[in-house]
């Protein structure tokens, strides 16, 4: 098994305990080893505030890719 997310990928924190303080977009800055519960960990950094947190894979979700604009040619 391997990490679901990669370095530099943008994610949202889906943790509900501190949703008011953890809202926003984060960047994956470090892949952490698999924990004893079988879940991979990540170090993430808030893209505007710079704060960092350690989270499990179940606590984050990928930022949806922006749809490409259709160009009128």
C-alpha atoms as a PDB file:
ATOM      1  CA  UNK A   1       0.000   0.000   0.000  1.00  0.00           C
ATOM      2  CA  UNK A   2       1.192   3.548  -0.633  1.00  0.00           C
ATOM      3  CA  UNK A   3       0.261   7.139   0.107  1.00  0.00           C
ATOM      4  CA  UNK A   4      -2.917   8.409  -1.556  1.00  0.00           C
ATOM      5  CA  UNK A   5      -1.634  12.011  -1.752  1.00  0.00           C
ATOM      6  CA  UNK A   6       1.716  13.318  -2.996  1.00  0.00           C
ATOM      7  CA  UNK A   7       4.180  16.055  -2.043  1.00  0.00           C
ATOM      8  CA  UNK A   8       3.010  19.479  -3.161  1.00  0.00           C
ATOM      9  CA  UNK A   9      -0.596  18.371  -3.634  1.00  0.00           C
ATOM     10  CA  UNK A  10      -3.282  20.754  -2.363  1.00  0.00           C
ATOM     11  CA  UNK A  11      -5.808  19.376   0.104  1.00  0.00           C
ATOM     12  CA  UNK A  12      -8.584  20.447   2.456  1.00  0.00           C
ATOM     13  CA  UNK A  13      -8.620  19.362   6.070  1.00  0.00           C
ATOM     14  CA  UNK A  14     -11.790  17.455   6.789  1.00  0.00           C
ATOM     15  CA  UNK A  15     -11.250  17.190  10.522  1.00  0.00           C
ATOM     16  CA  UNK A  16     -14.353  18.220  12.399  1.00  0.00           C
ATOM     17  CA  UNK A  17     -12.964  18.778  15.912  1.00  0.00           C
ATOM     18  CA  UNK A  18     -11.484  22.191  15.140  1.00  0.00           C
ATOM     19  CA  UNK A  19     -13.178  23.025  11.828  1.00  0.00           C
ATOM     20  CA  UNK A  20     -13.167  26.755  12.600  1.00  0.00           C
ATOM     21  CA  UNK A  21      -9.364  26.756  12.990  1.00  0.00           C
ATOM     22  CA  UNK A  22      -8.460  24.235  10.310  1.00  0.00           C
ATOM     23  CA  UNK A  23     -10.520  25.507   7.381  1.00  0.00           C
ATOM     24  CA  UNK A  24      -8.729  26.380   4.164  1.00  0.00           C
ATOM     25  CA  UNK A  25      -6.314  24.930   1.665  1.00  0.00           C
ATOM     26  CA  UNK A  26      -3.177  23.085   2.716  1.00  0.00           C
ATOM     27  CA  UNK A  27      -0.147  21.796   0.826  1.00  0.00           C
ATOM     28  CA  UNK A  28       1.359  18.372   1.515  1.00  0.00           C
ATOM     29  CA  UNK A  29       4.917  19.109   2.713  1.00  0.00           C
ATOM     30  CA  UNK A  30       5.965  15.697   4.054  1.00  0.00           C
ATOM     31  CA  UNK A  31       4.880  12.081   3.660  1.00  0.00           C
ATOM     32  CA  UNK A  32       4.937  10.293   6.992  1.00  0.00           C
ATOM     33  CA  UNK A  33       5.160   6.562   7.638  1.00  0.00           C
ATOM     34  CA  UNK A  34       2.231   4.242   8.118  1.00  0.00           C
ATOM     35  CA  UNK A  35       0.866   4.367  11.665  1.00  0.00           C
ATOM     36  CA  UNK A  36       0.088   1.321  13.784  1.00  0.00           C
ATOM     37  CA  UNK A  37      -3.566   1.606  12.700  1.00  0.00           C
ATOM     38  CA  UNK A  38      -2.485   1.131   9.056  1.00  0.00           C
ATOM     39  CA  UNK A  39      -3.145   4.740   8.051  1.00  0.00           C
ATOM     40  CA  UNK A  40      -0.508   6.877   6.343  1.00  0.00           C
ATOM     41  CA  UNK A  41       0.289  10.291   7.784  1.00  0.00           C
ATOM     42  CA  UNK A  42       1.108  13.664   6.263  1.00  0.00           C
ATOM     43  CA  UNK A  43       2.575  16.979   7.332  1.00  0.00           C
ATOM     44  CA  UNK A  44       0.498  19.770   5.796  1.00  0.00           C
ATOM     45  CA  UNK A  45       1.022  23.558   5.660  1.00  0.00           C
ATOM     46  CA  UNK A  46      -1.779  26.129   5.352  1.00  0.00           C
ATOM     47  CA  UNK A  47      -1.223  27.983   2.072  1.00  0.00           C
ATOM     48  CA  UNK A  48      -1.948  31.466   3.453  1.00  0.00           C
ATOM     49  CA  UNK A  49      -1.204  31.325   7.191  1.00  0.00           C
ATOM     50  CA  UNK A  50       1.786  28.983   6.998  1.00  0.00           C
ATOM     51  CA  UNK A  51       0.715  26.922  10.015  1.00  0.00           C
ATOM     52  CA  UNK A  52       1.578  23.240   9.889  1.00  0.00           C
ATOM     53  CA  UNK A  53      -0.214  20.171  11.196  1.00  0.00           C
ATOM     54  CA  UNK A  54       0.239  16.429  11.183  1.00  0.00           C
ATOM     55  CA  UNK A  55      -2.807  14.558   9.891  1.00  0.00           C
ATOM     56  CA  UNK A  56      -3.882  11.083   8.916  1.00  0.00           C
ATOM     57  CA  UNK A  57      -4.989  10.217   5.405  1.00  0.00           C
ATOM     58  CA  UNK A  58      -8.643  10.028   6.497  1.00  0.00           C
ATOM     59  CA  UNK A  59      -8.506  13.649   7.727  1.00  0.00           C
ATOM     60  CA  UNK A  60      -7.794  15.272   4.362  1.00  0.00           C
ATOM     61  CA  UNK A  61      -9.360  15.390   0.909  1.00  0.00           C
ATOM     62  CA  UNK A  62      -7.972  16.569  -2.407  1.00  0.00           C
ATOM     63  CA  UNK A  63      -8.773  20.053  -3.666  1.00  0.00           C
ATOM     64  CA  UNK A  64     -10.937  19.661  -6.747  1.00  0.00           C
ATOM     65  CA  UNK A  65      -9.135  20.546  -9.941  1.00  0.00           C
ATOM     66  CA  UNK A  66     -10.455  23.653 -11.605  1.00  0.00           C
ATOM     67  CA  UNK A  67     -12.201  22.845 -14.878  1.00  0.00           C
ATOM     68  CA  UNK A  68     -10.352  24.093 -17.924  1.00  0.00           C
ATOM     69  CA  UNK A  69     -11.938  26.991 -19.718  1.00  0.00           C
ATOM     70  CA  UNK A  70     -13.259  26.360 -23.153  1.00  0.00           C
ATOM     71  CA  UNK A  71     -11.525  28.660 -25.559  1.00  0.00           C
ATOM     72  CA  UNK A  72     -13.534  30.235 -28.322  1.00  0.00           C
ATOM     73  CA  UNK A  73     -11.644  29.836 -31.559  1.00  0.00           C
END
